[in-house]
C-alpha atoms as a PDB file:
ATOM      1  CA  MET A   1      17.700 107.568 -14.251  1.00  0.00           C
ATOM      2  CA  TYR A   2      18.385 105.545 -11.068  1.00  0.00           C
ATOM      3  CA  THR A   3      18.230 107.207  -7.667  1.00  0.00           C
ATOM      4  CA  PRO A   4      21.167 107.261  -5.284  1.00  0.00           C
ATOM      5  CA  GLU A   5      18.984 105.267  -2.866  1.00  0.00           C
ATOM      6  CA  MET A   6      18.615 102.494  -5.470  1.00  0.00           C
ATOM      7  CA  LYS A   7      22.385 102.360  -5.912  1.00  0.00           C
ATOM      8  CA  GLU A   8      22.860 102.329  -2.151  1.00  0.00           C
ATOM      9  CA  LYS A   9      20.472  99.371  -1.853  1.00  0.00           C
ATOM     10  CA  PHE A  10      22.516  97.606  -4.519  1.00  0.00           C
ATOM     11  CA  VAL A  11      25.776  98.217  -2.667  1.00  0.00           C
ATOM     12  CA  ASN A  12      24.273  96.962   0.607  1.00  0.00           C
ATOM     13  CA  LEU A  13      22.790  93.841  -0.973  1.00  0.00           C
ATOM     14  CA  ARG A  14      26.000  93.082  -2.842  1.00  0.00           C
ATOM     15  CA  ALA A  15      28.076  93.558   0.298  1.00  0.00           C
ATOM     16  CA  LYS A  16      25.868  91.012   2.057  1.00  0.00           C
ATOM     17  CA  GLY A  17      26.752  88.471  -0.623  1.00  0.00           C
ATOM     18  CA  ASN A  18      23.662  88.604  -2.820  1.00  0.00           C
ATOM     19  CA  THR A  19      24.228  87.611  -6.437  1.00  0.00           C
ATOM     20  CA  ILE A  20      23.739  90.022  -9.327  1.00  0.00           C
ATOM     21  CA  SER A  21      20.767  87.914 -10.507  1.00  0.00           C
ATOM     22  CA  ALA A  22      19.098  87.974  -7.096  1.00  0.00           C
ATOM     23  CA  ILE A  23      19.599  91.725  -6.777  1.00  0.00           C
ATOM     24  CA  SER A  24      18.269  92.247 -10.309  1.00  0.00           C
ATOM     25  CA  GLU A  25      15.047  90.453  -9.382  1.00  0.00           C
ATOM     26  CA  LYS A  26      14.760  92.230  -6.049  1.00  0.00           C
ATOM     27  CA  LEU A  27      15.373  95.770  -7.331  1.00  0.00           C
ATOM     28  CA  GLY A  28      13.971  95.373 -10.829  1.00  0.00           C
ATOM     29  CA  VAL A  29      17.206  96.608 -12.391  1.00  0.00           C
ATOM     30  CA  GLY A  30      18.853  94.956 -15.385  1.00  0.00           C
ATOM     31  CA  ARG A  31      21.826  92.678 -14.832  1.00  0.00           C
ATOM     32  CA  GLN A  32      24.096  94.684 -17.125  1.00  0.00           C
ATOM     33  CA  THR A  33      23.398  97.852 -15.145  1.00  0.00           C
ATOM     34  CA  LEU A  34      24.179  96.014 -11.933  1.00  0.00           C
ATOM     35  CA  ILE A  35      27.412  94.653 -13.385  1.00  0.00           C
ATOM     36  CA  THR A  36      28.408  98.219 -14.225  1.00  0.00           C
ATOM     37  CA  TRP A  37      27.499  99.370 -10.713  1.00  0.00           C
ATOM     38  CA  ASN A  38      29.434  96.427  -9.289  1.00  0.00           C
ATOM     39  CA  LYS A  39      32.582  97.703 -10.995  1.00  0.00           C
ATOM     40  CA  GLU A  40      31.835 101.326 -10.177  1.00  0.00           C
ATOM     41  CA  TYR A  41      31.183 100.702  -6.477  1.00  0.00           C
ATOM     42  CA  ALA A  42      33.674  97.853  -5.944  1.00  0.00           C
ATOM     43  CA  THR A  43      35.545  99.722  -3.204  1.00  0.00           C
ATOM     44  CA  GLU A  44      32.371 100.573  -1.278  1.00  0.00           C
ATOM     45  CA  ILE A  45      31.149  96.993  -1.585  1.00  0.00           C
ATOM     46  CA  MET A  46      34.471  95.632  -0.342  1.00  0.00           C
ATOM     47  CA  ASN A  47      34.502  98.073   2.592  1.00  0.00           C
ATOM     48  CA  LEU A  48      30.971  97.114   3.600  1.00  0.00           C
ATOM     49  CA  ARG A  49      31.838  93.410   3.329  1.00  0.00           C
ATOM     50  CA  GLU A  50      34.797  94.010   5.592  1.00  0.00           C
ATOM     51  CA  LEU A  51      32.528  95.733   8.122  1.00  0.00           C
ATOM     52  CA  GLU A  52      30.088  92.815   7.915  1.00  0.00           C
ATOM     53  CA  LEU A  53      32.944  90.374   8.546  1.00  0.00           C
ATOM     54  CA  GLU A  54      34.096  92.444  11.501  1.00  0.00           C
ATOM     55  CA  ASP A  55      30.587  92.400  12.996  1.00  0.00           C
ATOM     56  CA  HIS A  56      30.324  88.639  12.563  1.00  0.00           C
ATOM     57  CA  LYS A  57      33.809  88.161  13.958  1.00  0.00           C
ATOM     58  CA  ASP A  58      33.012  90.270  17.025  1.00  0.00           C
ATOM     59  CA  LYS A  59      29.829  88.277  17.689  1.00  0.00           C
ATOM     60  CA  TYR A  60      31.552  84.950  17.089  1.00  0.00           C
ATOM     61  CA  PHE A  61      34.507  85.742  19.316  1.00  0.00           C
ATOM     62  CA  ALA A  62      32.229  87.026  22.073  1.00  0.00           C
ATOM     63  CA  ASN A  63      30.270  83.760  21.993  1.00  0.00           C
ATOM     64  CA  HIS A  64      33.449  81.725  21.632  1.00  0.00           C
ATOM     65  CA  LYS A  65      35.083  83.493  24.564  1.00  0.00           C
ATOM     66  CA  LYS A  66      31.990  82.901  26.701  1.00  0.00           C
ATOM     67  CA  ARG A  67      32.005  79.150  25.884  1.00  0.00           C
ATOM     68  CA  ILE A  68      35.686  78.909  26.765  1.00  0.00           C
ATOM     69  CA  GLU A  69      35.037  80.714  30.053  1.00  0.00           C
ATOM     70  CA  ILE A  70      32.175  78.356  30.954  1.00  0.00           C
ATOM     71  CA  ILE A  71      34.151  75.245  30.065  1.00  0.00           C
ATOM     72  CA  GLY A  72      37.239  76.575  31.853  1.00  0.00           C
ATOM     73  CA  THR A  73      35.167  77.326  34.954  1.00  0.00           C
ATOM     74  CA  LYS A  74      33.784  73.783  34.977  1.00  0.00           C
ATOM     75  CA  PHE A  75      37.276  72.392  34.517  1.00  0.00           C
ATOM     76  CA  ALA A  76      38.580  74.508  37.412  1.00  0.00           C
ATOM     77  CA  GLN A  77      35.668  73.380  39.617  1.00  0.00           C
ATOM     78  CA  LEU A  78      36.459  69.752  38.874  1.00  0.00           C
ATOM     79  CA  LEU A  79      40.120  70.281  39.658  1.00  0.00           C
ATOM     80  CA  GLU A  80      39.143  71.956  42.922  1.00  0.00           C
ATOM     81  CA  ARG A  81      36.872  69.051  43.760  1.00  0.00           C
ATOM     82  CA  VAL A  82      39.655  66.556  43.093  1.00  0.00           C
ATOM     83  CA  ASP A  83      41.987  68.586  45.293  1.00  0.00           C
ATOM     84  CA  LYS A  84      39.426  68.606  48.116  1.00  0.00           C
ATOM     85  CA  GLN A  85      38.934  64.872  47.817  1.00  0.00           C
ATOM     86  CA  LEU A  86      42.659  64.303  47.972  1.00  0.00           C
ATOM     87  CA  ASN A  87      43.016  66.577  51.010  1.00  0.00           C
ATOM     88  CA  ASP A  88      39.972  65.758  53.138  1.00  0.00           C
ATOM     89  CA  ASN A  89      37.752  63.242  51.301  1.00  0.00           C
ATOM     90  CA  TYR A  90      35.017  65.873  50.886  1.00  0.00           C
ATOM     91  CA  GLU A  91      32.165  65.334  48.342  1.00  0.00           C
ATOM     92  CA  TYR A  92      33.383  62.004  47.117  1.00  0.00           C
ATOM     93  CA  ILE A  93      33.197  61.268  43.391  1.00  0.00           C
ATOM     94  CA  SER A  94      34.761  58.091  42.148  1.00  0.00           C
ATOM     95  CA  PRO A  95      38.189  58.643  40.631  1.00  0.00           C
ATOM     96  CA  GLU A  96      36.977  57.155  37.354  1.00  0.00           C
ATOM     97  CA  ARG A  97      34.053  59.573  37.153  1.00  0.00           C
ATOM     98  CA  THR A  98      36.252  62.528  38.089  1.00  0.00           C
ATOM     99  CA  LEU A  99      38.849  61.622  35.488  1.00  0.00           C
ATOM    100  CA  ASN A 100      36.162  61.180  32.826  1.00  0.00           C
ATOM    101  CA  LEU A 101      34.742  64.613  33.626  1.00  0.00           C
ATOM    102  CA  LEU A 102      38.184  66.231  33.534  1.00  0.00           C
ATOM    103  CA  LEU A 103      38.936  64.600  30.190  1.00  0.00           C
ATOM    104  CA  LYS A 104      35.539  65.625  28.832  1.00  0.00           C
ATOM    105  CA  TYR A 105      36.076  69.288  29.688  1.00  0.00           C
ATOM    106  CA  ALA A 106      39.669  69.182  28.433  1.00  0.00           C
ATOM    107  CA  ARG A 107      38.305  67.908  25.079  1.00  0.00           C
ATOM    108  CA  PHE A 108      35.734  70.702  25.018  1.00  0.00           C
ATOM    109  CA  LEU A 109      38.480  73.268  25.538  1.00  0.00           C
ATOM    110  CA  ARG A 110      40.583  71.694  22.778  1.00  0.00           C
ATOM    111  CA  MET A 111      37.607  71.665  20.370  1.00  0.00           C
ATOM    112  CA  GLU A 112      37.027  75.375  21.031  1.00  0.00           C
ATOM    113  CA  GLU A 113      40.696  76.060  20.364  1.00  0.00           C
ATOM    114  CA  ILE A 114      40.554  74.140  17.072  1.00  0.00           C
ATOM    115  CA  SER A 115      37.310  75.888  16.127  1.00  0.00           C
ATOM    116  CA  LEU A 116      38.839  79.294  16.807  1.00  0.00           C
ATOM    117  CA  SER A 117      41.951  78.471  14.793  1.00  0.00           C
ATOM    118  CA  SER A 118      39.836  77.233  11.881  1.00  0.00           C
ATOM    119  CA  GLU A 119      37.631  80.332  11.974  1.00  0.00           C
ATOM    120  CA  LEU A 120      40.660  82.623  11.938  1.00  0.00           C
ATOM    121  CA  LYS A 121      42.037  80.811   8.881  1.00  0.00           C
ATOM    122  CA  LYS A 122      38.684  81.094   7.067  1.00  0.00           C
ATOM    123  CA  GLU A 123      38.495  84.824   7.814  1.00  0.00           C
ATOM    124  CA  SER A 124      42.041  85.336   6.586  1.00  0.00           C
ATOM    125  CA  ILE A 125      41.261  83.529   3.322  1.00  0.00           C
ATOM    126  CA  ALA A 126      38.005  85.481   2.873  1.00  0.00           C
ATOM    127  CA  LYS A 127      39.809  88.767   3.474  1.00  0.00           C
ATOM    128  CA  GLU A 128      42.509  87.851   0.940  1.00  0.00           C
ATOM    129  CA  GLU A 129      39.818  86.962  -1.620  1.00  0.00           C
ATOM    130  CA  LEU A 130      38.027  90.258  -1.028  1.00  0.00           C
ATOM    131  CA  GLU A 131      41.257  92.191  -1.466  1.00  0.00           C
ATOM    132  CA  ALA A 132      42.069  90.251  -4.653  1.00  0.00           C
ATOM    133  CA  ASN A 133      38.707  91.274  -6.157  1.00  0.00           C
END
């Protein structure tokens, strides 16, 4: 009655988080049939969701790592500048301005650390929920 391609579309849409109702409208398949498929293909759906999470995690961590590197580089440059000023008064920046910049970049680094920690907790909870279903 339904083609394997139709069922595959269902699994892919469901893995991406689409609701049964939304998929029913999109594919033109009855909700009860989709509920049956949802039970029948639960493992495949969960595996695809896990792959989706992994892809998102890889992209997020790549971006996150890049932000930390940029902020860390700026922080190191400021520290170097302070060291130069202390040693030979080169490229003078007022101590107040230098301290404010150092504190600003230290806050940025801390915010990235908090963001990463929060994201890891969310992923852990999402994974536990997927495994429970």
